[in-house]
């Protein structure tokens, strides 16, 4: 019995949340793809990560030294067993 895209997305989301040591901000499903042979779901999740920034007019106005950077992870999920086979960083560059 194979899993559907909703189940694959939930598996990837739970896996990511369990691994991260901080609260994921603005977690979203970005892309979904079933491999050509139908054996794997490729699920891309995106989230914001706080990063420190130097003093700037924006920092002074907001009273903060944090900004957010978008990160993306691609999960390969076995479409039959629902197991995470891999998690990779997806770069937009």
PDB file of N, CA and C in Angstrom:
ATOM      1  N   UNK A   1       0.845  -1.185   0.000  1.00  0.00           N
ATOM      2  CA  UNK A   1       0.000   0.000   0.000  1.00  0.00           C
ATOM      3  C   UNK A   1       0.888   1.246   0.000  1.00  0.00           C
ATOM      4  N   UNK A   2       0.651   2.148  -0.897  1.00  0.00           N
ATOM      5  CA  UNK A   2       1.494   3.341  -0.969  1.00  0.00           C
ATOM      6  C   UNK A   2       0.851   4.507  -0.222  1.00  0.00           C
ATOM      7  N   UNK A   3       1.707   5.445   0.200  1.00  0.00           N
ATOM      8  CA  UNK A   3       1.216   6.623   0.910  1.00  0.00           C
ATOM      9  C   UNK A   3       0.928   7.732  -0.091  1.00  0.00           C
ATOM     10  N   UNK A   4       0.016   8.619   0.259  1.00  0.00           N
ATOM     11  CA  UNK A   4      -0.307   9.740  -0.622  1.00  0.00           C
ATOM     12  C   UNK A   4       0.560  10.949  -0.268  1.00  0.00           C
ATOM     13  N   UNK A   5       0.403  12.012  -1.028  1.00  0.00           N
ATOM     14  CA  UNK A   5       1.233  13.202  -0.852  1.00  0.00           C
ATOM     15  C   UNK A   5       1.005  13.856   0.513  1.00  0.00           C
ATOM     16  N   UNK A   6      -0.218  13.822   0.997  1.00  0.00           N
ATOM     17  CA  UNK A   6      -0.502  14.410   2.309  1.00  0.00           C
ATOM     18  C   UNK A   6       0.258  13.673   3.407  1.00  0.00           C
ATOM     19  N   UNK A   7       0.248  12.351   3.368  1.00  0.00           N
ATOM     20  CA  UNK A   7       0.975  11.561   4.362  1.00  0.00           C
ATOM     21  C   UNK A   7       2.484  11.793   4.252  1.00  0.00           C
ATOM     22  N   UNK A   8       3.006  11.854   3.034  1.00  0.00           N
ATOM     23  CA  UNK A   8       4.437  12.093   2.827  1.00  0.00           C
ATOM     24  C   UNK A   8       4.841  13.456   3.390  1.00  0.00           C
ATOM     25  N   UNK A   9       4.001  14.456   3.197  1.00  0.00           N
ATOM     26  CA  UNK A   9       4.273  15.799   3.717  1.00  0.00           C
ATOM     27  C   UNK A   9       4.265  15.799   5.243  1.00  0.00           C
ATOM     28  N   UNK A  10       3.309  15.119   5.845  1.00  0.00           N
ATOM     29  CA  UNK A  10       3.241  15.041   7.300  1.00  0.00           C
ATOM     30  C   UNK A  10       4.461  14.318   7.868  1.00  0.00           C
ATOM     31  N   UNK A  11       4.918  13.276   7.195  1.00  0.00           N
ATOM     32  CA  UNK A  11       6.111  12.540   7.638  1.00  0.00           C
ATOM     33  C   UNK A  11       7.336  13.449   7.596  1.00  0.00           C
ATOM     34  N   UNK A  12       7.510  14.184   6.492  1.00  0.00           N
ATOM     35  CA  UNK A  12       8.653  15.091   6.360  1.00  0.00           C
ATOM     36  C   UNK A  12       8.603  16.203   7.400  1.00  0.00           C
ATOM     37  N   UNK A  13       7.432  16.764   7.628  1.00  0.00           N
ATOM     38  CA  UNK A  13       7.272  17.846   8.602  1.00  0.00           C
ATOM     39  C   UNK A  13       7.603  17.377  10.009  1.00  0.00           C
ATOM     40  N   UNK A  14       7.075  16.241  10.398  1.00  0.00           N
ATOM     41  CA  UNK A  14       7.341  15.684  11.729  1.00  0.00           C
ATOM     42  C   UNK A  14       8.823  15.365  11.898  1.00  0.00           C
ATOM     43  N   UNK A  15       9.434  14.797  10.879  1.00  0.00           N
ATOM     44  CA  UNK A  15      10.861  14.456  10.912  1.00  0.00           C
ATOM     45  C   UNK A  15      11.701  15.713  11.135  1.00  0.00           C
ATOM     46  N   UNK A  16      11.406  16.764  10.390  1.00  0.00           N
ATOM     47  CA  UNK A  16      12.157  18.010  10.503  1.00  0.00           C
ATOM     48  C   UNK A  16      11.978  18.626  11.893  1.00  0.00           C
ATOM     49  N   UNK A  17      10.759  18.695  12.372  1.00  0.00           N
ATOM     50  CA  UNK A  17      10.503  19.288  13.684  1.00  0.00           C
ATOM     51  C   UNK A  17      11.186  18.506  14.801  1.00  0.00           C
ATOM     52  N   UNK A  18      11.241  17.196  14.679  1.00  0.00           N
ATOM     53  CA  UNK A  18      11.905  16.372  15.684  1.00  0.00           C
ATOM     54  C   UNK A  18      13.417  16.585  15.708  1.00  0.00           C
ATOM     55  N   UNK A  19      14.015  16.894  14.557  1.00  0.00           N
ATOM     56  CA  UNK A  19      15.465  17.069  14.472  1.00  0.00           C
ATOM     57  C   UNK A  19      15.948  18.444  14.912  1.00  0.00           C
ATOM     58  N   UNK A  20      15.161  19.467  14.662  1.00  0.00           N
ATOM     59  CA  UNK A  20      15.596  20.831  14.937  1.00  0.00           C
ATOM     60  C   UNK A  20      15.534  21.133  16.422  1.00  0.00           C
ATOM     61  N   UNK A  21      16.506  21.925  16.884  1.00  0.00           N
ATOM     62  CA  UNK A  21      16.592  22.264  18.299  1.00  0.00           C
ATOM     63  C   UNK A  21      15.976  23.628  18.592  1.00  0.00           C
ATOM     64  N   UNK A  22      15.305  24.197  17.623  1.00  0.00           N
ATOM     65  CA  UNK A  22      14.661  25.492  17.812  1.00  0.00           C
ATOM     66  C   UNK A  22      13.297  25.469  17.133  1.00  0.00           C
ATOM     67  N   UNK A  23      12.458  26.406  17.543  1.00  0.00           N
ATOM     68  CA  UNK A  23      11.126  26.519  16.963  1.00  0.00           C
ATOM     69  C   UNK A  23      11.238  26.935  15.494  1.00  0.00           C
ATOM     70  N   UNK A  24      10.588  26.206  14.616  1.00  0.00           N
ATOM     71  CA  UNK A  24      10.621  26.538  13.194  1.00  0.00           C
ATOM     72  C   UNK A  24       9.627  27.653  12.906  1.00  0.00           C
ATOM     73  N   UNK A  25      10.141  28.727  12.358  1.00  0.00           N
ATOM     74  CA  UNK A  25       9.312  29.879  12.034  1.00  0.00           C
ATOM     75  C   UNK A  25       8.842  29.800  10.585  1.00  0.00           C
ATOM     76  N   UNK A  26       7.565  30.046  10.384  1.00  0.00           N
ATOM     77  CA  UNK A  26       7.018  30.155   9.027  1.00  0.00           C
ATOM     78  C   UNK A  26       7.272  28.890   8.196  1.00  0.00           C
ATOM     79  N   UNK A  27       7.064  27.723   8.796  1.00  0.00           N
ATOM     80  CA  UNK A  27       7.259  26.442   8.107  1.00  0.00           C
ATOM     81  C   UNK A  27       6.180  26.268   7.042  1.00  0.00           C
ATOM     82  N   UNK A  28       6.623  25.996   5.805  1.00  0.00           N
ATOM     83  CA  UNK A  28       5.677  25.844   4.686  1.00  0.00           C
ATOM     84  C   UNK A  28       6.116  24.730   3.759  1.00  0.00           C
ATOM     85  N   UNK A  29       5.124  24.119   3.153  1.00  0.00           N
ATOM     86  CA  UNK A  29       5.370  23.187   2.062  1.00  0.00           C
ATOM     87  C   UNK A  29       5.693  24.013   0.829  1.00  0.00           C
ATOM     88  N   UNK A  30       6.830  23.736   0.194  1.00  0.00           N
ATOM     89  CA  UNK A  30       7.265  24.509  -0.963  1.00  0.00           C
ATOM     90  C   UNK A  30       7.071  23.745  -2.273  1.00  0.00           C
ATOM     91  N   UNK A  31       7.463  22.472  -2.299  1.00  0.00           N
ATOM     92  CA  UNK A  31       7.376  21.673  -3.532  1.00  0.00           C
ATOM     93  C   UNK A  31       7.085  20.218  -3.189  1.00  0.00           C
ATOM     94  N   UNK A  32       6.422  19.556  -4.115  1.00  0.00           N
ATOM     95  CA  UNK A  32       6.126  18.126  -3.997  1.00  0.00           C
ATOM     96  C   UNK A  32       6.343  17.495  -5.363  1.00  0.00           C
ATOM     97  N   UNK A  33       6.989  16.331  -5.353  1.00  0.00           N
ATOM     98  CA  UNK A  33       7.209  15.617  -6.615  1.00  0.00           C
ATOM     99  C   UNK A  33       7.253  14.115  -6.336  1.00  0.00           C
ATOM    100  N   UNK A  34       6.610  13.350  -7.178  1.00  0.00           N
ATOM    101  CA  UNK A  34       6.711  11.897  -7.130  1.00  0.00           C
ATOM    102  C   UNK A  34       7.770  11.493  -8.142  1.00  0.00           C
ATOM    103  N   UNK A  35       8.720  10.657  -7.725  1.00  0.00           N
ATOM    104  CA  UNK A  35       9.783  10.246  -8.646  1.00  0.00           C
ATOM    105  C   UNK A  35       9.179   9.549  -9.866  1.00  0.00           C
ATOM    106  N   UNK A  36       9.937   9.524 -10.948  1.00  0.00           N
ATOM    107  CA  UNK A  36       9.451   8.931 -12.194  1.00  0.00           C
ATOM    108  C   UNK A  36       9.041   7.477 -12.030  1.00  0.00           C
ATOM    109  N   UNK A  37       9.752   6.741 -11.188  1.00  0.00           N
ATOM    110  CA  UNK A  37       9.414   5.327 -10.984  1.00  0.00           C
ATOM    111  C   UNK A  37       8.324   5.134  -9.929  1.00  0.00           C
ATOM    112  N   UNK A  38       7.904   6.234  -9.269  1.00  0.00           N
ATOM    113  CA  UNK A  38       6.832   6.174  -8.281  1.00  0.00           C
ATOM    114  C   UNK A  38       7.230   5.619  -6.936  1.00  0.00           C
ATOM    115  N   UNK A  39       8.520   5.408  -6.706  1.00  0.00           N
ATOM    116  CA  UNK A  39       8.978   4.793  -5.460  1.00  0.00           C
ATOM    117  C   UNK A  39       9.279   5.800  -4.347  1.00  0.00           C
ATOM    118  N   UNK A  40       9.403   7.090  -4.695  1.00  0.00           N
ATOM    119  CA  UNK A  40       9.781   8.083  -3.692  1.00  0.00           C
ATOM    120  C   UNK A  40       9.027   9.393  -3.891  1.00  0.00           C
ATOM    121  N   UNK A  41       8.640   9.980  -2.778  1.00  0.00           N
ATOM    122  CA  UNK A  41       8.130  11.342  -2.772  1.00  0.00           C
ATOM    123  C   UNK A  41       9.292  12.266  -2.464  1.00  0.00           C
ATOM    124  N   UNK A  42       9.405  13.360  -3.186  1.00  0.00           N
ATOM    125  CA  UNK A  42      10.387  14.412  -2.896  1.00  0.00           C
ATOM    126  C   UNK A  42       9.604  15.604  -2.365  1.00  0.00           C
ATOM    127  N   UNK A  43       9.804  15.893  -1.098  1.00  0.00           N
ATOM    128  CA  UNK A  43       9.057  16.940  -0.405  1.00  0.00           C
ATOM    129  C   UNK A  43      10.031  18.036  -0.005  1.00  0.00           C
ATOM    130  N   UNK A  44       9.772  19.271  -0.449  1.00  0.00           N
ATOM    131  CA  UNK A  44      10.602  20.405  -0.056  1.00  0.00           C
ATOM    132  C   UNK A  44       9.844  21.252   0.946  1.00  0.00           C
ATOM    133  N   UNK A  45      10.463  21.450   2.113  1.00  0.00           N
ATOM    134  CA  UNK A  45       9.913  22.309   3.154  1.00  0.00           C
ATOM    135  C   UNK A  45      10.804  23.529   3.310  1.00  0.00           C
ATOM    136  N   UNK A  46      10.192  24.673   3.537  1.00  0.00           N
ATOM    137  CA  UNK A  46      10.935  25.907   3.763  1.00  0.00           C
ATOM    138  C   UNK A  46      10.576  26.490   5.118  1.00  0.00           C
ATOM    139  N   UNK A  47      11.542  27.156   5.740  1.00  0.00           N
ATOM    140  CA  UNK A  47      11.311  27.781   7.045  1.00  0.00           C
ATOM    141  C   UNK A  47      12.307  28.917   7.226  1.00  0.00           C
ATOM    142  N   UNK A  48      11.976  29.820   8.136  1.00  0.00           N
ATOM    143  CA  UNK A  48      12.835  30.966   8.426  1.00  0.00           C
ATOM    144  C   UNK A  48      13.724  30.657   9.625  1.00  0.00           C
ATOM    145  N   UNK A  49      14.992  31.039   9.511  1.00  0.00           N
ATOM    146  CA  UNK A  49      15.964  30.831  10.575  1.00  0.00           C
ATOM    147  C   UNK A  49      16.488  32.198  11.015  1.00  0.00           C
ATOM    148  N   UNK A  50      16.470  32.480  12.327  1.00  0.00           N
ATOM    149  CA  UNK A  50      17.000  33.766  12.785  1.00  0.00           C
ATOM    150  C   UNK A  50      18.520  33.820  12.613  1.00  0.00           C
ATOM    151  N   UNK A  51      19.003  34.939  12.143  1.00  0.00           N
ATOM    152  CA  UNK A  51      20.439  35.161  11.986  1.00  0.00           C
ATOM    153  C   UNK A  51      20.784  36.530  12.552  1.00  0.00           C
ATOM    154  N   UNK A  52      21.960  36.639  13.090  1.00  0.00           N
ATOM    155  CA  UNK A  52      22.416  37.930  13.623  1.00  0.00           C
ATOM    156  C   UNK A  52      22.879  38.816  12.470  1.00  0.00           C
ATOM    157  N   UNK A  53      22.543  40.098  12.588  1.00  0.00           N
ATOM    158  CA  UNK A  53      22.987  41.064  11.588  1.00  0.00           C
ATOM    159  C   UNK A  53      23.699  42.211  12.294  1.00  0.00           C
ATOM    160  N   UNK A  54      24.530  42.901  11.553  1.00  0.00           N
ATOM    161  CA  UNK A  54      25.276  44.031  12.103  1.00  0.00           C
ATOM    162  C   UNK A  54      24.355  45.214  12.337  1.00  0.00           C
ATOM    163  N   UNK A  55      24.853  46.166  13.102  1.00  0.00           N
ATOM    164  CA  UNK A  55      24.071  47.376  13.341  1.00  0.00           C
ATOM    165  C   UNK A  55      23.763  48.064  12.029  1.00  0.00           C
ATOM    166  N   UNK A  56      22.515  48.421  11.874  1.00  0.00           N
ATOM    167  CA  UNK A  56      22.075  49.124  10.675  1.00  0.00           C
ATOM    168  C   UNK A  56      20.898  50.002  11.067  1.00  0.00           C
ATOM    169  N   UNK A  57      20.447  50.798  10.135  1.00  0.00           N
ATOM    170  CA  UNK A  57      19.281  51.638  10.402  1.00  0.00           C
ATOM    171  C   UNK A  57      18.060  50.791  10.728  1.00  0.00           C
ATOM    172  N   UNK A  58      17.944  49.644  10.053  1.00  0.00           N
ATOM    173  CA  UNK A  58      16.809  48.747  10.315  1.00  0.00           C
ATOM    174  C   UNK A  58      16.866  48.222  11.740  1.00  0.00           C
ATOM    175  N   UNK A  59      18.056  47.841  12.200  1.00  0.00           N
ATOM    176  CA  UNK A  59      18.209  47.349  13.572  1.00  0.00           C
ATOM    177  C   UNK A  59      17.838  48.420  14.583  1.00  0.00           C
ATOM    178  N   UNK A  60      18.330  49.609  14.338  1.00  0.00           N
ATOM    179  CA  UNK A  60      18.083  50.712  15.265  1.00  0.00           C
ATOM    180  C   UNK A  60      16.588  51.003  15.318  1.00  0.00           C
ATOM    181  N   UNK A  61      15.940  51.039  14.161  1.00  0.00           N
ATOM    182  CA  UNK A  61      14.509  51.331  14.104  1.00  0.00           C
ATOM    183  C   UNK A  61      13.689  50.237  14.791  1.00  0.00           C
ATOM    184  N   UNK A  62      14.088  48.983  14.602  1.00  0.00           N
ATOM    185  CA  UNK A  62      13.337  47.867  15.166  1.00  0.00           C
ATOM    186  C   UNK A  62      13.793  47.481  16.563  1.00  0.00           C
ATOM    187  N   UNK A  63      14.972  47.974  16.965  1.00  0.00           N
ATOM    188  CA  UNK A  63      15.502  47.630  18.276  1.00  0.00           C
ATOM    189  C   UNK A  63      15.921  46.169  18.380  1.00  0.00           C
ATOM    190  N   UNK A  64      16.409  45.614  17.286  1.00  0.00           N
ATOM    191  CA  UNK A  64      16.809  44.210  17.277  1.00  0.00           C
ATOM    192  C   UNK A  64      18.080  44.033  16.463  1.00  0.00           C
ATOM    193  N   UNK A  65      18.735  42.920  16.662  1.00  0.00           N
ATOM    194  CA  UNK A  65      19.889  42.599  15.828  1.00  0.00           C
ATOM    195  C   UNK A  65      19.690  41.237  15.158  1.00  0.00           C
ATOM    196  N   UNK A  66      18.428  40.849  14.972  1.00  0.00           N
ATOM    197  CA  UNK A  66      18.109  39.594  14.299  1.00  0.00           C
ATOM    198  C   UNK A  66      17.381  39.851  12.986  1.00  0.00           C
ATOM    199  N   UNK A  67      17.689  39.020  12.028  1.00  0.00           N
ATOM    200  CA  UNK A  67      16.961  39.002  10.762  1.00  0.00           C
ATOM    201  C   UNK A  67      16.628  37.542  10.504  1.00  0.00           C
ATOM    202  N   UNK A  68      15.881  37.277   9.462  1.00  0.00           N
ATOM    203  CA  UNK A  68      15.533  35.899   9.147  1.00  0.00           C
ATOM    204  C   UNK A  68      16.003  35.540   7.751  1.00  0.00           C
ATOM    205  N   UNK A  69      16.502  34.334   7.643  1.00  0.00           N
ATOM    206  CA  UNK A  69      16.977  33.806   6.368  1.00  0.00           C
ATOM    207  C   UNK A  69      16.137  32.562   6.057  1.00  0.00           C
ATOM    208  N   UNK A  70      15.689  32.441   4.814  1.00  0.00           N
ATOM    209  CA  UNK A  70      14.870  31.295   4.416  1.00  0.00           C
ATOM    210  C   UNK A  70      15.772  30.107   4.116  1.00  0.00           C
ATOM    211  N   UNK A  71      15.439  28.957   4.679  1.00  0.00           N
ATOM    212  CA  UNK A  71      16.160  27.722   4.394  1.00  0.00           C
ATOM    213  C   UNK A  71      15.183  26.696   3.853  1.00  0.00           C
ATOM    214  N   UNK A  72      15.713  25.782   3.049  1.00  0.00           N
ATOM    215  CA  UNK A  72      14.894  24.755   2.416  1.00  0.00           C
ATOM    216  C   UNK A  72      15.540  23.390   2.622  1.00  0.00           C
ATOM    217  N   UNK A  73      14.706  22.395   2.884  1.00  0.00           N
ATOM    218  CA  UNK A  73      15.170  21.013   3.021  1.00  0.00           C
ATOM    219  C   UNK A  73      14.336  20.149   2.082  1.00  0.00           C
ATOM    220  N   UNK A  74      15.010  19.231   1.393  1.00  0.00           N
ATOM    221  CA  UNK A  74      14.340  18.268   0.526  1.00  0.00           C
ATOM    222  C   UNK A  74      14.360  16.910   1.222  1.00  0.00           C
ATOM    223  N   UNK A  75      13.201  16.308   1.330  1.00  0.00           N
ATOM    224  CA  UNK A  75      13.061  14.990   1.946  1.00  0.00           C
ATOM    225  C   UNK A  75      12.699  13.976   0.882  1.00  0.00           C
ATOM    226  N   UNK A  76      13.386  12.845   0.919  1.00  0.00           N
ATOM    227  CA  UNK A  76      13.066  11.719   0.044  1.00  0.00           C
ATOM    228  C   UNK A  76      12.342  10.703   0.929  1.00  0.00           C
ATOM    229  N   UNK A  77      11.061  10.469   0.616  1.00  0.00           N
ATOM    230  CA  UNK A  77      10.214   9.592   1.415  1.00  0.00           C
ATOM    231  C   UNK A  77       9.854   8.361   0.588  1.00  0.00           C
ATOM    232  N   UNK A  78      10.095   7.189   1.127  1.00  0.00           N
ATOM    233  CA  UNK A  78       9.711   5.940   0.459  1.00  0.00           C
ATOM    234  C   UNK A  78       8.192   5.922   0.324  1.00  0.00           C
ATOM    235  N   UNK A  79       7.698   5.793  -0.906  1.00  0.00           N
ATOM    236  CA  UNK A  79       6.257   5.893  -1.147  1.00  0.00           C
ATOM    237  C   UNK A  79       5.483   4.653  -0.709  1.00  0.00           C
ATOM    238  N   UNK A  80       6.165   3.562  -0.445  1.00  0.00           N
ATOM    239  CA  UNK A  80       5.496   2.345   0.030  1.00  0.00           C
ATOM    240  C   UNK A  80       5.510   2.260   1.559  1.00  0.00           C
ATOM    241  N   UNK A  81       6.669   2.485   2.159  1.00  0.00           N
ATOM    242  CA  UNK A  81       6.832   2.307   3.599  1.00  0.00           C
ATOM    243  C   UNK A  81       6.611   3.593   4.400  1.00  0.00           C
ATOM    244  N   UNK A  82       6.712   4.751   3.738  1.00  0.00           N
ATOM    245  CA  UNK A  82       6.564   6.012   4.440  1.00  0.00           C
ATOM    246  C   UNK A  82       7.764   6.379   5.284  1.00  0.00           C
ATOM    247  N   UNK A  83       8.928   5.822   4.964  1.00  0.00           N
ATOM    248  CA  UNK A  83      10.149   6.106   5.714  1.00  0.00           C
ATOM    249  C   UNK A  83      10.948   7.218   5.042  1.00  0.00           C
ATOM    250  N   UNK A  84      11.585   8.049   5.875  1.00  0.00           N
ATOM    251  CA  UNK A  84      12.472   9.085   5.348  1.00  0.00           C
ATOM    252  C   UNK A  84      13.764   8.407   4.922  1.00  0.00           C
ATOM    253  N   UNK A  85      14.105   8.560   3.643  1.00  0.00           N
ATOM    254  CA  UNK A  85      15.341   7.967   3.118  1.00  0.00           C
ATOM    255  C   UNK A  85      16.494   8.955   3.136  1.00  0.00           C
ATOM    256  N   UNK A  86      16.173  10.245   2.993  1.00  0.00           N
ATOM    257  CA  UNK A  86      17.219  11.258   3.061  1.00  0.00           C
ATOM    258  C   UNK A  86      16.612  12.638   3.311  1.00  0.00           C
ATOM    259  N   UNK A  87      17.468  13.536   3.809  1.00  0.00           N
ATOM    260  CA  UNK A  87      17.130  14.944   3.983  1.00  0.00           C
ATOM    261  C   UNK A  87      18.335  15.725   3.491  1.00  0.00           C
ATOM    262  N   UNK A  88      18.117  16.638   2.559  1.00  0.00           N
ATOM    263  CA  UNK A  88      19.216  17.427   1.993  1.00  0.00           C
ATOM    264  C   UNK A  88      18.876  18.908   2.023  1.00  0.00           C
ATOM    265  N   UNK A  89      19.914  19.707   2.034  1.00  0.00           N
ATOM    266  CA  UNK A  89      19.750  21.160   1.921  1.00  0.00           C
ATOM    267  C   UNK A  89      19.472  21.483   0.462  1.00  0.00           C
ATOM    268  N   UNK A  90      18.455  22.317   0.247  1.00  0.00           N
ATOM    269  CA  UNK A  90      18.169  22.764  -1.120  1.00  0.00           C
ATOM    270  C   UNK A  90      18.623  24.198  -1.236  1.00  0.00           C
ATOM    271  N   UNK A  91      19.504  24.431  -2.169  1.00  0.00           N
ATOM    272  CA  UNK A  91      20.018  25.777  -2.404  1.00  0.00           C
ATOM    273  C   UNK A  91      19.311  26.383  -3.610  1.00  0.00           C
ATOM    274  N   UNK A  92      19.015  27.665  -3.534  1.00  0.00           N
ATOM    275  CA  UNK A  92      18.366  28.348  -4.651  1.00  0.00           C
ATOM    276  C   UNK A  92      19.368  29.008  -5.576  1.00  0.00           C
ATOM    277  N   UNK A  93      20.639  28.893  -5.275  1.00  0.00           N
ATOM    278  CA  UNK A  93      21.669  29.541  -6.087  1.00  0.00           C
ATOM    279  C   UNK A  93      22.097  28.660  -7.215  1.00  0.00           C
TER     280      UNK A  93
END
